[in-house]
Amino acid sequence: MKYLILLTVLLGLSTPLEAVTTRMFKVLDTCARYRLKEKTALVAIKDLKLKYEGKDEIEAELFIKLYCSVFTPNENVDF
């Protein structure tokens, strides 16, 4: 009986961990697609569900570049 309770608790705790890795993958995928010009800055912001009030494309590009730069392992990568 103790093993059943322990197993249930471990399964309950592991579910949020999977959600975090899924979200991280989506962020990295969206940033990569933006960098490859498959998505525009405004579409990438919308896909990442970021709060962005501006409508200007140039300002949106600066915003998404700054956001995606946090997720790149190499600081010298230019979007």
C-alpha atoms as a PDB file:
ATOM      1  CA  MET A   1       0.000   0.000   0.000  1.00  0.00           C
ATOM      2  CA  LYS A   2       2.879   2.358   0.787  1.00  0.00           C
ATOM      3  CA  TYR A   3       4.357   1.722  -2.657  1.00  0.00           C
ATOM      4  CA  LEU A   4       1.074   2.636  -4.330  1.00  0.00           C
ATOM      5  CA  ILE A   5       0.933   5.948  -2.476  1.00  0.00           C
ATOM      6  CA  LEU A   6       4.597   6.646  -3.235  1.00  0.00           C
ATOM      7  CA  LEU A   7       4.075   5.848  -6.914  1.00  0.00           C
ATOM      8  CA  THR A   8       1.047   8.142  -7.090  1.00  0.00           C
ATOM      9  CA  VAL A   9       2.961  11.014  -5.483  1.00  0.00           C
ATOM     10  CA  LEU A  10       5.938  10.565  -7.826  1.00  0.00           C
ATOM     11  CA  LEU A  11       3.704  10.532 -10.898  1.00  0.00           C
ATOM     12  CA  GLY A  12       1.959  13.671  -9.679  1.00  0.00           C
ATOM     13  CA  LEU A  13       5.259  15.486  -9.213  1.00  0.00           C
ATOM     14  CA  SER A  14       6.726  14.419 -12.551  1.00  0.00           C
ATOM     15  CA  THR A  15       3.844  15.817 -14.635  1.00  0.00           C
ATOM     16  CA  PRO A  16       4.790  19.517 -14.146  1.00  0.00           C
ATOM     17  CA  LEU A  17       8.373  18.707 -15.117  1.00  0.00           C
ATOM     18  CA  GLU A  18       7.188  17.477 -18.506  1.00  0.00           C
ATOM     19  CA  ALA A  19       5.144  20.639 -19.015  1.00  0.00           C
ATOM     20  CA  VAL A  20       8.210  22.812 -18.391  1.00  0.00           C
ATOM     21  CA  THR A  21      10.307  20.968 -20.964  1.00  0.00           C
ATOM     22  CA  THR A  22       7.470  21.158 -23.504  1.00  0.00           C
ATOM     23  CA  ARG A  23       7.189  24.924 -23.015  1.00  0.00           C
ATOM     24  CA  MET A  24      10.954  25.343 -23.304  1.00  0.00           C
ATOM     25  CA  PHE A  25      10.973  23.367 -26.556  1.00  0.00           C
ATOM     26  CA  LYS A  26       8.195  25.550 -27.973  1.00  0.00           C
ATOM     27  CA  VAL A  27      10.126  28.713 -27.093  1.00  0.00           C
ATOM     28  CA  LEU A  28      13.332  27.449 -28.669  1.00  0.00           C
ATOM     29  CA  ASP A  29      11.452  26.218 -31.746  1.00  0.00           C
ATOM     30  CA  THR A  30       9.668  29.538 -32.217  1.00  0.00           C
ATOM     31  CA  CYS A  31      12.904  31.508 -31.785  1.00  0.00           C
ATOM     32  CA  ALA A  32      14.655  29.264 -34.311  1.00  0.00           C
ATOM     33  CA  ARG A  33      11.820  29.653 -36.819  1.00  0.00           C
ATOM     34  CA  TYR A  34      11.942  33.429 -36.347  1.00  0.00           C
ATOM     35  CA  ARG A  35      15.692  33.424 -36.928  1.00  0.00           C
ATOM     36  CA  LEU A  36      15.243  31.359 -40.100  1.00  0.00           C
ATOM     37  CA  LYS A  37      12.629  33.896 -41.272  1.00  0.00           C
ATOM     38  CA  GLU A  38       9.841  31.288 -41.235  1.00  0.00           C
ATOM     39  CA  LYS A  39       7.914  33.554 -38.850  1.00  0.00           C
ATOM     40  CA  THR A  40       7.655  37.299 -38.549  1.00  0.00           C
ATOM     41  CA  ALA A  41       8.328  39.034 -35.257  1.00  0.00           C
ATOM     42  CA  LEU A  42       4.656  39.709 -34.604  1.00  0.00           C
ATOM     43  CA  VAL A  43       3.712  36.074 -35.303  1.00  0.00           C
ATOM     44  CA  ALA A  44       6.502  34.829 -33.021  1.00  0.00           C
ATOM     45  CA  ILE A  45       5.313  37.133 -30.230  1.00  0.00           C
ATOM     46  CA  LYS A  46       1.773  35.866 -30.684  1.00  0.00           C
ATOM     47  CA  ASP A  47       2.901  32.202 -30.709  1.00  0.00           C
ATOM     48  CA  LEU A  48       4.929  32.724 -27.523  1.00  0.00           C
ATOM     49  CA  LYS A  49       1.922  34.428 -25.897  1.00  0.00           C
ATOM     50  CA  LEU A  50       4.017  37.393 -24.810  1.00  0.00           C
ATOM     51  CA  LYS A  51       2.505  40.660 -23.637  1.00  0.00           C
ATOM     52  CA  TYR A  52       3.301  43.170 -26.365  1.00  0.00           C
ATOM     53  CA  GLU A  53       1.254  46.328 -26.797  1.00  0.00           C
ATOM     54  CA  GLY A  54       3.016  47.823 -29.800  1.00  0.00           C
ATOM     55  CA  LYS A  55       2.073  47.221 -33.414  1.00  0.00           C
ATOM     56  CA  ASP A  56       5.277  48.447 -35.039  1.00  0.00           C
ATOM     57  CA  GLU A  57       7.227  45.669 -36.810  1.00  0.00           C
ATOM     58  CA  ILE A  58      10.656  47.185 -36.058  1.00  0.00           C
ATOM     59  CA  GLU A  59       9.878  47.490 -32.360  1.00  0.00           C
ATOM     60  CA  ALA A  60       8.509  43.932 -32.388  1.00  0.00           C
ATOM     61  CA  GLU A  61      11.759  42.673 -33.925  1.00  0.00           C
ATOM     62  CA  LEU A  62      13.794  44.293 -31.143  1.00  0.00           C
ATOM     63  CA  PHE A  63      11.432  42.834 -28.549  1.00  0.00           C
ATOM     64  CA  ILE A  64      11.634  39.269 -29.896  1.00  0.00           C
ATOM     65  CA  LYS A  65      15.417  39.502 -30.400  1.00  0.00           C
ATOM     66  CA  LEU A  66      15.844  40.462 -26.768  1.00  0.00           C
ATOM     67  CA  TYR A  67      13.497  37.695 -25.629  1.00  0.00           C
ATOM     68  CA  CYS A  68      15.138  34.992 -27.762  1.00  0.00           C
ATOM     69  CA  SER A  69      18.651  36.075 -26.796  1.00  0.00           C
ATOM     70  CA  VAL A  70      17.945  34.780 -23.288  1.00  0.00           C
ATOM     71  CA  PHE A  71      17.464  31.250 -24.651  1.00  0.00           C
ATOM     72  CA  THR A  72      20.553  31.040 -26.843  1.00  0.00           C
ATOM     73  CA  PRO A  73      23.581  29.379 -25.275  1.00  0.00           C
ATOM     74  CA  ASN A  74      26.036  31.494 -27.272  1.00  0.00           C
ATOM     75  CA  GLU A  75      25.959  35.213 -26.540  1.00  0.00           C
ATOM     76  CA  ASN A  76      27.457  36.055 -29.938  1.00  0.00           C
ATOM     77  CA  VAL A  77      24.432  34.785 -31.879  1.00  0.00           C
ATOM     78  CA  ASP A  78      22.716  37.632 -33.705  1.00  0.00           C
ATOM     79  CA  PHE A  79      19.112  37.280 -34.715  1.00  0.00           C
END
